[in-house]
C-alpha atoms as a PDB file:
ATOM      1  CA  MET A   1       0.006   0.063   0.011  1.00  0.00           C
ATOM      2  CA  THR A   2       1.328   3.383  -0.942  1.00  0.00           C
ATOM      3  CA  LEU A   3       0.490   6.514   0.897  1.00  0.00           C
ATOM      4  CA  THR A   4       0.011   9.609  -1.395  1.00  0.00           C
ATOM      5  CA  LEU A   5      -0.695  13.155  -0.296  1.00  0.00           C
ATOM      6  CA  SER A   6      -3.195  15.284  -1.895  1.00  0.00           C
ATOM      7  CA  ASP A   7      -1.979  18.674  -3.340  1.00  0.00           C
ATOM      8  CA  ASP A   8      -3.718  20.364  -0.335  1.00  0.00           C
ATOM      9  CA  ASP A   9      -1.829  18.144   2.132  1.00  0.00           C
ATOM     10  CA  ARG A  10       1.473  18.767   0.445  1.00  0.00           C
ATOM     11  CA  ALA A  11       0.891  22.512   0.450  1.00  0.00           C
ATOM     12  CA  THR A  12       0.183  22.664   4.149  1.00  0.00           C
ATOM     13  CA  ARG A  13       2.719  20.035   5.356  1.00  0.00           C
ATOM     14  CA  PRO A  14       5.907  21.746   6.621  1.00  0.00           C
ATOM     15  CA  THR A  15       9.196  20.724   5.096  1.00  0.00           C
ATOM     16  CA  ALA A  16      12.777  21.453   6.101  1.00  0.00           C
ATOM     17  CA  ALA A  17      13.017  24.094   3.401  1.00  0.00           C
ATOM     18  CA  ALA A  18       9.559  25.622   3.823  1.00  0.00           C
ATOM     19  CA  PRO A  19       9.300  28.572   6.232  1.00  0.00           C
ATOM     20  CA  VAL A  20       7.298  28.228   9.351  1.00  0.00           C
ATOM     21  CA  THR A  21       3.763  29.536   8.867  1.00  0.00           C
ATOM     22  CA  GLU A  22       2.134  31.976  11.092  1.00  0.00           C
ATOM     23  CA  ALA A  23      -0.372  29.342  12.284  1.00  0.00           C
ATOM     24  CA  GLU A  24       2.515  26.971  13.212  1.00  0.00           C
ATOM     25  CA  ARG A  25       4.408  29.722  15.069  1.00  0.00           C
ATOM     26  CA  LEU A  26       1.299  30.574  17.055  1.00  0.00           C
ATOM     27  CA  ARG A  27       0.670  26.911  17.904  1.00  0.00           C
ATOM     28  CA  VAL A  28       4.193  26.610  19.299  1.00  0.00           C
ATOM     29  CA  GLN A  29       3.784  29.864  21.179  1.00  0.00           C
ATOM     30  CA  ILE A  30       0.463  28.671  22.679  1.00  0.00           C
ATOM     31  CA  ALA A  31       2.021  25.318  23.774  1.00  0.00           C
ATOM     32  CA  GLN A  32       4.916  27.263  25.450  1.00  0.00           C
ATOM     33  CA  LEU A  33       2.518  29.551  27.279  1.00  0.00           C
ATOM     34  CA  GLN A  34       0.396  26.606  28.400  1.00  0.00           C
ATOM     35  CA  ASP A  35       3.519  24.919  29.813  1.00  0.00           C
ATOM     36  CA  LYS A  36       4.528  28.223  31.535  1.00  0.00           C
ATOM     37  CA  LEU A  37       1.083  28.700  33.040  1.00  0.00           C
ATOM     38  CA  THR A  38       1.087  25.071  34.383  1.00  0.00           C
ATOM     39  CA  GLY A  39       4.049  25.874  36.643  1.00  0.00           C
ATOM     40  CA  LEU A  40       3.091  29.401  37.694  1.00  0.00           C
ATOM     41  CA  PRO A  41       0.928  28.535  40.692  1.00  0.00           C
ATOM     42  CA  VAL A  42       3.593  26.403  42.394  1.00  0.00           C
ATOM     43  CA  ILE A  43       6.216  29.066  41.530  1.00  0.00           C
ATOM     44  CA  GLU A  44       4.226  31.857  43.071  1.00  0.00           C
ATOM     45  CA  GLN A  45       3.427  29.690  46.140  1.00  0.00           C
ATOM     46  CA  ALA A  46       7.185  29.012  46.589  1.00  0.00           C
ATOM     47  CA  LYS A  47       8.101  32.660  46.172  1.00  0.00           C
ATOM     48  CA  GLY A  48       5.472  33.588  48.890  1.00  0.00           C
ATOM     49  CA  MET A  49       7.019  30.974  51.214  1.00  0.00           C
ATOM     50  CA  LEU A  50      10.556  32.279  50.586  1.00  0.00           C
ATOM     51  CA  MET A  51       9.393  35.888  51.019  1.00  0.00           C
ATOM     52  CA  GLN A  52       7.838  35.081  54.389  1.00  0.00           C
ATOM     53  CA  THR A  53      10.765  33.031  55.735  1.00  0.00           C
ATOM     54  CA  PHE A  54      13.653  35.124  54.540  1.00  0.00           C
ATOM     55  CA  GLY A  55      12.026  38.534  54.319  1.00  0.00           C
ATOM     56  CA  LEU A  56      12.701  38.753  50.601  1.00  0.00           C
ATOM     57  CA  SER A  57      10.996  40.775  47.881  1.00  0.00           C
ATOM     58  CA  GLY A  58       9.225  38.890  45.093  1.00  0.00           C
ATOM     59  CA  GLU A  59      12.084  39.464  42.800  1.00  0.00           C
ATOM     60  CA  GLN A  60      14.673  38.321  45.228  1.00  0.00           C
ATOM     61  CA  ALA A  61      12.653  35.099  45.967  1.00  0.00           C
ATOM     62  CA  PHE A  62      12.427  34.335  42.256  1.00  0.00           C
ATOM     63  CA  ASP A  63      16.128  34.971  41.839  1.00  0.00           C
ATOM     64  CA  LEU A  64      16.736  32.427  44.667  1.00  0.00           C
ATOM     65  CA  LEU A  65      14.588  29.869  42.823  1.00  0.00           C
ATOM     66  CA  ARG A  66      16.430  30.645  39.580  1.00  0.00           C
ATOM     67  CA  VAL A  67      19.794  30.195  41.182  1.00  0.00           C
ATOM     68  CA  LEU A  68      18.800  26.894  42.775  1.00  0.00           C
ATOM     69  CA  SER A  69      17.459  25.876  39.374  1.00  0.00           C
ATOM     70  CA  GLN A  70      20.838  26.647  37.705  1.00  0.00           C
ATOM     71  CA  VAL A  71      22.929  25.044  40.424  1.00  0.00           C
ATOM     72  CA  SER A  72      20.762  21.870  40.402  1.00  0.00           C
ATOM     73  CA  ASN A  73      20.289  21.841  36.633  1.00  0.00           C
ATOM     74  CA  VAL A  74      16.516  21.421  36.951  1.00  0.00           C
ATOM     75  CA  ARG A  75      13.569  23.702  35.894  1.00  0.00           C
ATOM     76  CA  VAL A  76      12.384  26.454  38.201  1.00  0.00           C
ATOM     77  CA  ARG A  77       9.023  24.795  38.457  1.00  0.00           C
ATOM     78  CA  GLN A  78      10.731  21.639  39.952  1.00  0.00           C
ATOM     79  CA  VAL A  79      12.691  23.841  42.435  1.00  0.00           C
ATOM     80  CA  ALA A  80       9.449  25.474  43.448  1.00  0.00           C
ATOM     81  CA  GLY A  81       7.670  22.183  43.856  1.00  0.00           C
ATOM     82  CA  CYS A  82      10.525  21.001  46.129  1.00  0.00           C
ATOM     83  CA  VAL A  83      10.391  24.131  48.227  1.00  0.00           C
ATOM     84  CA  VAL A  84       6.616  23.825  48.719  1.00  0.00           C
ATOM     85  CA  GLU A  85       6.925  20.068  49.578  1.00  0.00           C
ATOM     86  CA  ILE A  86       9.733  20.567  52.117  1.00  0.00           C
ATOM     87  CA  TRP A  87       7.933  23.696  53.567  1.00  0.00           C
ATOM     88  CA  THR A  88       4.734  21.665  53.932  1.00  0.00           C
ATOM     89  CA  ARG A  89       6.563  18.778  55.658  1.00  0.00           C
ATOM     90  CA  CYS A  90       8.939  20.804  57.833  1.00  0.00           C
ATOM     91  CA  GLY A  91       7.399  24.263  58.172  1.00  0.00           C
ATOM     92  CA  PRO A  92       8.968  27.700  57.914  1.00  0.00           C
ATOM     93  CA  ARG A  93      12.499  28.380  59.001  1.00  0.00           C
ATOM     94  CA  PRO A  94      12.595  31.780  60.862  1.00  0.00           C
ATOM     95  CA  ASP A  95      16.333  31.731  61.931  1.00  0.00           C
ATOM     96  CA  PHE A  96      19.344  31.995  59.633  1.00  0.00           C
ATOM     97  CA  ASP A  97      20.816  28.678  60.503  1.00  0.00           C
ATOM     98  CA  ALA A  98      17.604  26.794  60.070  1.00  0.00           C
ATOM     99  CA  ALA A  99      16.912  28.682  56.824  1.00  0.00           C
ATOM    100  CA  THR A 100      20.300  27.662  55.487  1.00  0.00           C
ATOM    101  CA  GLU A 101      19.590  24.107  56.413  1.00  0.00           C
ATOM    102  CA  PHE A 102      16.227  24.413  54.605  1.00  0.00           C
ATOM    103  CA  LEU A 103      17.941  25.524  51.376  1.00  0.00           C
ATOM    104  CA  VAL A 104      20.528  22.716  51.621  1.00  0.00           C
ATOM    105  CA  THR A 105      17.715  20.266  52.017  1.00  0.00           C
ATOM    106  CA  VAL A 106      15.997  21.731  48.935  1.00  0.00           C
ATOM    107  CA  ARG A 107      19.300  21.461  46.979  1.00  0.00           C
ATOM    108  CA  GLU A 108      19.958  17.973  48.068  1.00  0.00           C
ATOM    109  CA  GLY A 109      16.321  16.967  47.225  1.00  0.00           C
ATOM    110  CA  LEU A 110      16.712  18.373  43.763  1.00  0.00           C
ATOM    111  CA  ARG A 111      20.012  16.614  43.147  1.00  0.00           C
ATOM    112  CA  ALA A 112      18.429  13.319  44.237  1.00  0.00           C
ATOM    113  CA  THR A 113      15.542  13.769  41.826  1.00  0.00           C
ATOM    114  CA  ALA A 114      17.612  15.033  38.904  1.00  0.00           C
ATOM    115  CA  GLY A 115      19.983  12.106  38.855  1.00  0.00           C
ATOM    116  CA  PRO A 116      23.259  12.186  36.973  1.00  0.00           C
ATOM    117  CA  ALA A 117      21.852  13.484  33.738  1.00  0.00           C
ATOM    118  CA  GLY A 118      20.037  16.573  35.155  1.00  0.00           C
ATOM    119  CA  GLY A 119      16.276  17.347  34.891  1.00  0.00           C
ATOM    120  CA  LYS A 120      16.225  20.008  32.170  1.00  0.00           C
END
């Protein structure tokens, strides 16, 4: 059995040489935005927890999540999920030593879940 494409199918099917159409570009952009929105609530929750615990601004809390993400080689959403999970299990850390221990626990938890290849 041979599969043949109609002229309409060939005209709309992307090829390596064909430029990306506006519709295709928009589909990719929508998928990226949906992925971003999926992680937003947990990121905002983690930011709030870090702001309360460490007295940080929203921007500083996100920077902390971003740095942990880069150091651990995992997505910010995964870092945020780990912060929320550990916070929920262990509670807030009001003093500096306990806060430092909290961040070390987050980092170690991320390393354990990322494995040798990383999670990105």
